[in-house]
Amino acid sequence: MKLRSKTAVLLLLALSALLLVLLTLRTSRRKPPAPPVHLASALQRPQPQAPAFILSEGTFTLEGQSAQRRRPLHPRPRAGSRDAASLEKLARRPGEPRSSHAVLPPKLWIHLAVVACGSRLEETLVMLKSAVLFSHRKMQFHIFTEESLKSEFDKQVILKDVDSLLYVDTDVLFLRPVDDIWKFLRQFNSTQLAAMAPEHEIPKIGWYSRFAQHPFYGSTGINSGVMLMNLTRIRTAQFKNSVIPTGLAWEDMLYPLYQKYKNVITWGDQDLLNIIFYFNPECLYVFPCQWNYRPDHCMYGSNCKGAELEGVSVLHGNRGVYHDDKQPTFKALYEAIRDFPFQDNLFQSIYYPLQLKFLETVHTLCGRIPQVFLKQIEKTMKRAYEKHVIIHIGSNQMY
């Protein structure tokens, strides 16, 4: 995103205010704005046994629970359906078994946030679908749209009762349970309040180390496409900064920092986060590259050792790779999850077709390491098989 026009500047303001929207301490409340048409249509279609759609405190929230697949209780939906009604399907997984998850108190839910702007509806739906597909715990989705950001981002109290939050870009896909990245919160030390992955593994080919004209975290910077936050700590922290000698609260710091660095900011909110954690490195937990795996990790040759060992955990298809043919491996994964009906078998409808599809991508450097993309999906299938076929093979039997 280049700041080349007034429109771009306004867009940057909206993006850089995302965390302000999430974390503001102000107590004023206003009536939440009406959601855009494409999300409002989902609100107008009540279904039997469907979860509630809530427009709360300026946030479009979908409450739903991910669960393992069993024989469907409802007619099979058409594969590849991608309209707004798909939101209902994400939280209404057929045949959800009763378990301890059904009574999990809301304070223990996973909170997943995303900003869905412009033409990003399909990407958002596919991202949410991947989260539900591979996860176990109850999740609450917070979907921020352009309309709600327009007038509410600096006035509304958002998520004030949420302790922790996982924010992801719309072009992110989960290839293993969201539960697993949520566990990183337990690894925070007493000063850490957010977690992100490095922007690159090799400084000499990283963007920040070559081109940035502002401070950035570490030797390569950090990428904000996948960001885990302890909101309770962020609300009470005082952050060192380059504006005043004393510390500033989060909501008091963002705009002054933007004003100071706006002429050298290229990547919007990500640049601001790099500046913040440059001055506050003790506040950041850095998780491995396989939790934010991008084309940069393989298009110049494989450089994410964690993914080589464990497989990709979270796929980040930036550079628009889901929608062109430059990185067919990324595109194949996106389309496989997009078109997957929840009732189908993971092996037959995702894993096996991907193996065949990847044979057509070996002309690219990313396509030459298919095991990196398939390893976590295979592990997830194995866990699901062991839990539902072996453990639950009979109502009164356990093997």
Protein backbone atom coordinates (compact mmCIF):
# COMPACT_ATOMS: atom_id res chain seq x y z
CA MET A 1 0.00 0.00 0.00
CA LYS A 2 1.72 3.19 -1.17
CA LEU A 3 0.76 6.59 0.25
CA ARG A 4 0.32 8.30 -3.08
CA SER A 5 -3.02 10.04 -2.68
CA LYS A 6 -5.40 11.49 -0.18
CA THR A 7 -7.50 8.34 -0.41
CA ALA A 8 -4.51 6.19 0.44
CA VAL A 9 -3.74 8.37 3.45
CA LEU A 10 -7.28 7.99 4.73
CA LEU A 11 -7.08 4.23 4.25
CA LEU A 12 -3.83 4.15 6.22
CA LEU A 13 -5.51 6.07 9.02
CA ALA A 14 -8.24 3.46 9.16
CA LEU A 15 -5.77 0.59 9.16
CA SER A 16 -3.48 2.13 11.73
CA ALA A 17 -6.50 2.72 13.94
CA LEU A 18 -7.51 -0.96 13.97
CA LEU A 19 -5.76 -1.67 17.25
CA LEU A 20 -7.03 1.60 18.65
CA VAL A 21 -10.53 0.38 17.86
CA LEU A 22 -9.82 -2.90 19.59
CA LEU A 23 -8.06 -1.54 22.64
CA THR A 24 -9.40 1.95 23.42
CA LEU A 25 -10.21 2.64 27.04
CA ARG A 26 -12.68 5.42 26.44
CA THR A 27 -16.07 4.86 27.99
CA SER A 28 -18.28 6.75 25.59
CA ARG A 29 -20.78 4.60 23.70
CA ARG A 30 -22.72 5.29 20.57
CA LYS A 31 -25.29 3.31 18.73
CA PRO A 32 -23.42 0.86 16.44
CA PRO A 33 -23.68 1.59 12.72
CA ALA A 34 -25.62 -0.65 10.40
CA PRO A 35 -23.48 -3.37 8.82
CA PRO A 36 -22.74 -3.34 5.08
CA VAL A 37 -25.16 -5.10 2.78
CA HIS A 38 -23.07 -8.20 2.25
CA LEU A 39 -22.84 -8.89 6.00
CA ALA A 40 -26.29 -7.60 6.83
CA SER A 41 -27.78 -10.20 4.51
CA ALA A 42 -26.45 -12.89 6.83
CA LEU A 43 -28.23 -11.24 9.75
CA GLN A 44 -31.55 -11.45 7.94
CA ARG A 45 -31.55 -15.20 7.36
CA PRO A 46 -32.42 -16.99 10.62
CA GLN A 47 -32.00 -20.75 10.42
CA PRO A 48 -33.13 -23.46 12.83
CA GLN A 49 -30.40 -24.29 15.37
CA ALA A 50 -28.10 -21.67 13.83
CA PRO A 51 -25.81 -19.62 16.08
CA ALA A 52 -26.59 -16.00 16.86
CA PHE A 53 -25.16 -13.20 14.76
CA ILE A 54 -24.48 -10.24 16.99
CA LEU A 55 -23.66 -6.68 16.07
CA SER A 56 -22.14 -5.54 19.31
CA GLU A 57 -20.18 -2.42 20.19
CA GLY A 58 -19.41 -1.67 16.56
CA THR A 59 -18.15 -5.18 15.91
CA PHE A 60 -19.75 -7.74 13.63
CA THR A 61 -19.51 -10.86 15.73
CA LEU A 62 -20.30 -14.40 14.69
CA GLU A 63 -20.60 -16.79 17.58
CA GLY A 64 -19.98 -20.38 16.61
CA GLN A 65 -18.17 -23.49 17.65
CA SER A 66 -15.74 -25.53 15.65
CA ALA A 67 -16.10 -29.28 16.03
CA GLN A 68 -15.15 -32.56 14.50
CA ARG A 69 -17.11 -33.87 11.52
CA ARG A 70 -19.73 -36.62 11.77
CA ARG A 71 -22.59 -37.65 9.51
CA PRO A 72 -24.48 -34.45 8.63
CA LEU A 73 -27.84 -33.64 10.20
CA HIS A 74 -28.70 -31.17 7.44
CA PRO A 75 -28.78 -31.46 3.65
CA ARG A 76 -25.38 -31.20 2.06
CA PRO A 77 -24.60 -27.65 0.89
CA ARG A 78 -23.33 -26.97 -2.59
CA ALA A 79 -19.54 -27.12 -2.72
CA GLY A 80 -17.85 -23.82 -3.28
CA SER A 81 -20.75 -21.64 -2.08
CA ARG A 82 -19.17 -18.33 -1.16
CA ASP A 83 -21.95 -15.83 -0.49
CA ALA A 84 -22.58 -14.15 2.85
CA ALA A 85 -24.85 -17.00 3.97
CA SER A 86 -21.71 -19.12 4.20
CA LEU A 87 -21.07 -17.42 7.53
CA GLU A 88 -23.92 -19.42 8.99
CA LYS A 89 -22.46 -22.70 7.77
CA LEU A 90 -19.13 -21.95 9.43
CA ALA A 91 -20.63 -22.07 12.89
CA ARG A 92 -23.27 -24.74 12.20
CA ARG A 93 -21.07 -27.75 11.61
CA PRO A 94 -23.35 -30.76 11.11
CA GLY A 95 -23.53 -33.43 13.80
CA GLU A 96 -21.51 -31.59 16.40
CA PRO A 97 -21.04 -34.01 19.33
CA ARG A 98 -21.89 -32.94 22.86
CA SER A 99 -18.74 -32.60 24.90
CA SER A 100 -17.04 -30.42 27.46
CA HIS A 101 -16.57 -27.80 24.75
CA ALA A 102 -20.33 -27.23 24.70
CA VAL A 103 -20.21 -25.74 28.19
CA LEU A 104 -16.92 -23.87 27.82
CA PRO A 105 -17.41 -20.48 29.51
CA PRO A 106 -17.15 -17.47 27.18
CA LYS A 107 -14.02 -16.19 28.92
CA LEU A 108 -12.21 -19.29 27.62
CA TRP A 109 -13.31 -18.91 24.01
CA ILE A 110 -10.82 -18.10 21.28
CA HIS A 111 -11.41 -14.61 19.85
CA LEU A 112 -10.48 -14.20 16.19
CA ALA A 113 -10.56 -10.74 14.55
CA VAL A 114 -10.30 -9.68 10.91
CA VAL A 115 -10.85 -6.52 8.88
CA ALA A 116 -12.91 -7.24 5.74
CA CYS A 117 -12.71 -4.40 3.23
CA GLY A 118 -13.80 -4.00 -0.37
CA SER A 119 -13.46 -7.19 -2.39
CA ARG A 120 -12.11 -9.23 0.53
CA LEU A 121 -15.38 -11.01 1.33
CA GLU A 122 -14.44 -14.34 -0.25
CA GLU A 123 -10.98 -14.37 1.35
CA THR A 124 -12.56 -13.62 4.73
CA LEU A 125 -15.05 -16.47 4.39
CA VAL A 126 -12.36 -18.95 3.35
CA MET A 127 -10.13 -17.86 6.25
CA LEU A 128 -12.98 -18.37 8.73
CA LYS A 129 -13.78 -21.70 7.11
CA SER A 130 -10.19 -22.89 7.60
CA ALA A 131 -10.33 -21.83 11.26
CA VAL A 132 -13.47 -23.87 11.86
CA LEU A 133 -12.34 -26.78 9.73
CA PHE A 134 -9.20 -27.58 11.69
CA SER A 135 -10.07 -26.40 15.20
CA HIS A 136 -11.72 -27.82 18.31
CA ARG A 137 -12.49 -25.03 20.79
CA LYS A 138 -15.37 -22.59 20.71
CA MET A 139 -14.49 -19.40 18.81
CA GLN A 140 -15.99 -15.96 18.49
CA PHE A 141 -15.33 -14.07 15.26
CA HIS A 142 -15.05 -10.26 15.26
CA ILE A 143 -15.37 -8.96 11.70
CA PHE A 144 -14.60 -5.27 11.24
CA THR A 145 -15.94 -3.68 8.07
CA GLU A 146 -15.31 -0.41 6.30
CA GLU A 147 -18.63 1.10 7.39
CA SER A 148 -18.00 0.55 11.10
CA LEU A 149 -14.44 1.83 10.88
CA LYS A 150 -15.49 5.03 9.14
CA SER A 151 -17.01 6.84 12.10
CA GLU A 152 -16.43 4.64 15.11
CA PHE A 153 -12.75 3.78 15.17
CA ASP A 154 -11.76 6.51 17.66
CA LYS A 155 -15.04 6.84 19.57
CA GLN A 156 -16.40 3.39 20.28
CA VAL A 157 -15.53 1.04 23.13
CA ILE A 158 -14.62 -2.23 21.44
CA LEU A 159 -13.83 -5.62 23.01
CA LYS A 160 -13.30 -4.03 26.42
CA ASP A 161 -14.13 -7.31 28.16
CA VAL A 162 -11.98 -9.53 25.91
CA ASP A 163 -8.74 -10.61 27.55
CA SER A 164 -6.90 -11.92 24.48
CA LEU A 165 -7.36 -11.76 20.73
CA LEU A 166 -5.90 -13.27 17.57
CA TYR A 167 -5.92 -10.85 14.62
CA VAL A 168 -5.27 -12.12 11.10
CA ASP A 169 -5.35 -10.66 7.60
CA THR A 170 -8.08 -11.90 5.26
CA ASP A 171 -5.52 -13.77 3.13
CA VAL A 172 -4.57 -16.12 5.97
CA LEU A 173 -5.42 -19.85 6.07
CA PHE A 174 -5.17 -22.09 9.12
CA LEU A 175 -3.69 -25.51 8.37
CA ARG A 176 -3.89 -26.75 11.96
CA PRO A 177 -6.16 -25.99 14.94
CA VAL A 178 -6.36 -22.35 16.00
CA ASP A 179 -6.14 -23.78 19.51
CA ASP A 180 -2.43 -24.38 18.93
CA ILE A 181 -1.48 -20.76 18.17
CA TRP A 182 -3.65 -19.65 21.09
CA LYS A 183 -1.37 -21.67 23.38
CA PHE A 184 1.45 -19.21 22.71
CA LEU A 185 -0.27 -16.90 25.21
CA ARG A 186 0.92 -19.25 27.95
CA GLN A 187 4.52 -18.75 26.83
CA PHE A 188 4.48 -14.96 27.29
CA ASN A 189 6.80 -13.76 30.03
CA SER A 190 5.81 -10.98 32.43
CA THR A 191 6.53 -8.16 29.96
CA GLN A 192 5.29 -9.63 26.68
CA LEU A 193 1.86 -8.57 25.45
CA ALA A 194 1.80 -9.42 21.73
CA ALA A 195 3.24 -12.04 19.40
CA MET A 196 4.16 -11.82 15.71
CA ALA A 197 6.50 -13.57 13.29
CA PRO A 198 9.52 -11.97 11.57
CA GLU A 199 8.94 -10.28 8.24
CA HIS A 200 11.77 -12.36 6.81
CA GLU A 201 14.34 -14.92 7.89
CA ILE A 202 17.27 -13.52 5.89
CA PRO A 203 18.12 -9.83 6.45
CA LYS A 204 19.88 -9.33 3.13
CA ILE A 205 16.70 -10.08 1.17
CA GLY A 206 14.19 -8.70 3.69
CA TRP A 207 12.16 -5.60 2.85
CA TYR A 208 12.72 -3.66 6.07
CA SER A 209 16.45 -4.29 6.21
CA ARG A 210 16.81 -3.01 2.64
CA PHE A 211 14.26 -0.23 2.24
CA ALA A 212 12.72 0.97 5.51
CA GLN A 213 13.35 4.61 6.44
CA HIS A 214 11.86 4.31 9.91
CA PRO A 215 12.75 2.22 12.99
CA PHE A 216 11.72 -1.44 12.87
CA TYR A 217 11.91 -4.44 15.16
CA GLY A 218 15.02 -6.64 15.15
CA SER A 219 17.07 -7.25 12.01
CA THR A 220 14.21 -7.97 9.58
CA GLY A 221 11.10 -6.37 11.08
CA ILE A 222 7.86 -8.14 11.95
CA ASN A 223 4.81 -9.03 9.87
CA SER A 224 1.40 -8.09 11.31
CA GLY A 225 -0.65 -10.52 9.19
CA VAL A 226 -0.92 -12.86 12.19
CA MET A 227 -0.90 -11.12 15.55
CA LEU A 228 -1.72 -12.61 18.96
CA MET A 229 -2.49 -10.05 21.67
CA ASN A 230 -3.02 -9.97 25.42
CA LEU A 231 -5.44 -7.04 25.48
CA THR A 232 -5.52 -6.86 29.27
CA ARG A 233 -1.80 -6.12 29.36
CA ILE A 234 -1.94 -3.72 26.41
CA ARG A 235 -4.67 -1.65 28.07
CA THR A 236 -2.54 -1.02 31.15
CA ALA A 237 0.93 -0.70 29.58
CA GLN A 238 2.92 2.49 29.16
CA PHE A 239 4.97 2.38 25.96
CA LYS A 240 8.32 4.00 25.34
CA ASN A 241 8.24 6.12 22.20
CA SER A 242 10.06 8.75 20.14
CA VAL A 243 7.42 11.45 20.71
CA ILE A 244 7.78 12.31 24.40
CA PRO A 245 10.29 11.23 27.07
CA THR A 246 7.67 9.48 29.19
CA GLY A 247 5.54 6.48 28.38
CA LEU A 248 2.24 6.67 26.53
CA ALA A 249 -0.84 4.47 26.64
CA TRP A 250 -1.58 2.58 23.41
CA GLU A 251 -4.52 4.76 22.37
CA ASP A 252 -2.55 7.95 23.03
CA MET A 253 0.48 6.82 21.05
CA LEU A 254 -0.78 5.70 17.62
CA TYR A 255 -1.77 9.03 16.09
CA PRO A 256 1.33 10.99 17.23
CA LEU A 257 3.54 8.22 15.85
CA TYR A 258 1.69 8.28 12.56
CA GLN A 259 2.06 12.05 12.32
CA LYS A 260 5.80 11.79 12.92
CA TYR A 261 6.49 8.97 10.44
CA LYS A 262 3.68 9.31 7.89
CA ASN A 263 5.99 10.41 5.08
CA VAL A 264 8.11 7.25 5.33
CA ILE A 265 5.41 4.68 6.12
CA THR A 266 4.72 2.20 3.32
CA TRP A 267 2.86 -0.71 4.90
CA GLY A 268 0.44 1.16 7.15
CA ASP A 269 -0.36 -0.45 10.50
CA GLN A 270 2.48 -2.96 10.12
CA ASP A 271 5.02 -0.13 9.94
CA LEU A 272 3.52 1.49 13.03
CA LEU A 273 3.76 -1.80 14.92
CA ASN A 274 7.40 -2.14 13.89
CA ILE A 275 8.09 1.35 15.21
CA ILE A 276 6.29 0.62 18.50
CA PHE A 277 8.15 -2.62 19.16
CA TYR A 278 11.47 -1.12 18.10
CA PHE A 279 11.15 1.08 21.18
CA ASN A 280 9.57 -1.69 23.28
CA PRO A 281 11.24 -4.98 22.25
CA GLU A 282 10.65 -6.53 25.66
CA CYS A 283 6.90 -6.43 24.97
CA LEU A 284 7.01 -8.72 21.92
CA TYR A 285 7.02 -12.50 21.72
CA VAL A 286 8.33 -13.65 18.33
CA PHE A 287 6.87 -16.92 17.14
CA PRO A 288 8.46 -19.06 14.39
CA CYS A 289 8.01 -18.45 10.68
CA GLN A 290 5.73 -21.48 10.14
CA TRP A 291 3.00 -19.56 11.98
CA ASN A 292 2.98 -16.85 9.30
CA TYR A 293 4.27 -18.60 6.18
CA ARG A 294 4.38 -16.37 3.07
CA PRO A 295 5.63 -16.74 -0.51
CA ASP A 296 8.86 -15.05 0.59
CA HIS A 297 9.67 -18.18 2.58
CA CYS A 298 9.95 -20.33 -0.53
CA MET A 299 9.90 -18.23 -3.74
CA TYR A 300 13.64 -17.48 -3.41
CA GLY A 301 14.38 -20.94 -2.05
CA SER A 302 13.20 -22.50 1.20
CA ASN A 303 14.30 -20.37 4.16
CA CYS A 304 11.81 -21.26 6.93
CA LYS A 305 13.47 -24.09 8.85
CA GLY A 306 10.50 -24.48 11.20
CA ALA A 307 8.19 -25.22 8.27
CA GLU A 308 10.65 -27.74 6.86
CA LEU A 309 10.62 -29.59 10.18
CA GLU A 310 6.99 -29.24 11.29
CA GLY A 311 5.09 -28.08 8.22
CA VAL A 312 3.21 -24.84 7.68
CA SER A 313 0.84 -24.02 10.53
CA VAL A 314 -0.64 -20.74 9.22
CA LEU A 315 -0.45 -19.86 5.52
CA HIS A 316 -0.36 -16.16 4.57
CA GLY A 317 -1.07 -15.64 0.88
CA ASN A 318 0.05 -12.04 0.53
CA ARG A 319 1.12 -10.60 -2.84
CA GLY A 320 -2.33 -11.69 -4.13
CA VAL A 321 -1.08 -15.22 -4.77
CA TYR A 322 -4.48 -16.83 -4.22
CA HIS A 323 -5.80 -15.04 -7.28
CA ASP A 324 -3.04 -15.31 -9.88
CA ASP A 325 -0.75 -18.04 -11.19
CA LYS A 326 2.55 -16.79 -9.82
CA GLN A 327 2.52 -19.17 -6.85
CA PRO A 328 0.23 -22.08 -7.83
CA THR A 329 0.96 -23.98 -4.61
CA PHE A 330 -0.65 -21.24 -2.52
CA LYS A 331 -3.54 -20.92 -4.97
CA ALA A 332 -4.19 -24.68 -4.89
CA LEU A 333 -4.48 -24.69 -1.09
CA TYR A 334 -6.82 -21.71 -1.10
CA GLU A 335 -9.13 -23.24 -3.70
CA ALA A 336 -9.13 -26.63 -1.97
CA ILE A 337 -10.37 -25.14 1.31
CA ARG A 338 -12.74 -22.74 -0.45
CA ASP A 339 -14.50 -25.57 -2.30
CA PHE A 340 -14.48 -28.15 0.49
CA PRO A 341 -17.93 -29.17 1.83
CA PHE A 342 -17.79 -29.69 5.60
CA GLN A 343 -19.40 -33.14 5.37
CA ASP A 344 -16.74 -34.56 3.09
CA ASN A 345 -13.73 -36.59 4.07
CA LEU A 346 -10.58 -34.50 4.53
CA PHE A 347 -8.40 -37.09 2.88
CA GLN A 348 -10.59 -37.60 -0.17
CA SER A 349 -11.56 -33.96 -0.73
CA ILE A 350 -8.47 -32.00 0.38
CA TYR A 351 -5.35 -34.05 1.08
CA TYR A 352 -5.37 -36.45 -1.88
CA PRO A 353 -6.45 -33.84 -4.48
CA LEU A 354 -3.76 -31.48 -3.22
CA GLN A 355 -1.10 -34.12 -3.68
CA LEU A 356 -2.14 -34.45 -7.32
CA LYS A 357 -2.41 -30.69 -7.79
CA PHE A 358 1.03 -30.10 -6.35
CA LEU A 359 2.51 -32.28 -9.07
CA GLU A 360 1.59 -29.46 -11.46
CA THR A 361 3.52 -26.87 -9.42
CA VAL A 362 7.01 -28.38 -9.39
CA HIS A 363 8.19 -25.78 -11.89
CA THR A 364 8.15 -23.26 -9.02
CA LEU A 365 10.47 -23.26 -6.01
CA CYS A 366 7.52 -23.37 -3.60
CA GLY A 367 6.04 -26.31 -5.51
CA ARG A 368 9.21 -28.35 -5.01
CA ILE A 369 8.57 -28.70 -1.26
CA PRO A 370 4.97 -30.00 -1.12
CA GLN A 371 5.56 -31.79 2.17
CA VAL A 372 5.92 -28.38 3.85
CA PHE A 373 2.33 -27.51 2.95
CA LEU A 374 0.81 -30.94 3.65
CA LYS A 375 2.47 -32.02 6.88
CA GLN A 376 0.14 -30.23 9.33
CA ILE A 377 -2.98 -31.17 7.36
CA GLU A 378 -1.88 -34.80 7.58
CA LYS A 379 -1.34 -34.50 11.34
CA THR A 380 -4.76 -32.92 11.79
CA MET A 381 -6.42 -35.73 9.84
CA LYS A 382 -4.60 -38.32 11.94
CA ARG A 383 -5.72 -36.70 15.20
CA ALA A 384 -9.30 -36.51 13.99
CA TYR A 385 -9.22 -40.16 12.93
CA GLU A 386 -7.80 -41.31 16.25
CA LYS A 387 -10.36 -39.31 18.22
CA HIS A 388 -13.49 -40.13 16.25
CA VAL A 389 -12.79 -43.55 14.78
CA ILE A 390 -10.70 -45.19 17.46
CA ILE A 391 -11.90 -43.55 20.68
CA HIS A 392 -15.55 -43.11 19.65
CA ILE A 393 -15.91 -46.32 17.66
CA GLY A 394 -18.74 -47.44 19.92
CA SER A 395 -20.99 -45.64 22.35
CA ASN A 396 -19.88 -47.80 25.27
CA GLN A 397 -16.47 -48.93 24.04
CA MET A 398 -13.04 -47.36 24.22
CA TYR A 399 -9.93 -48.81 22.63
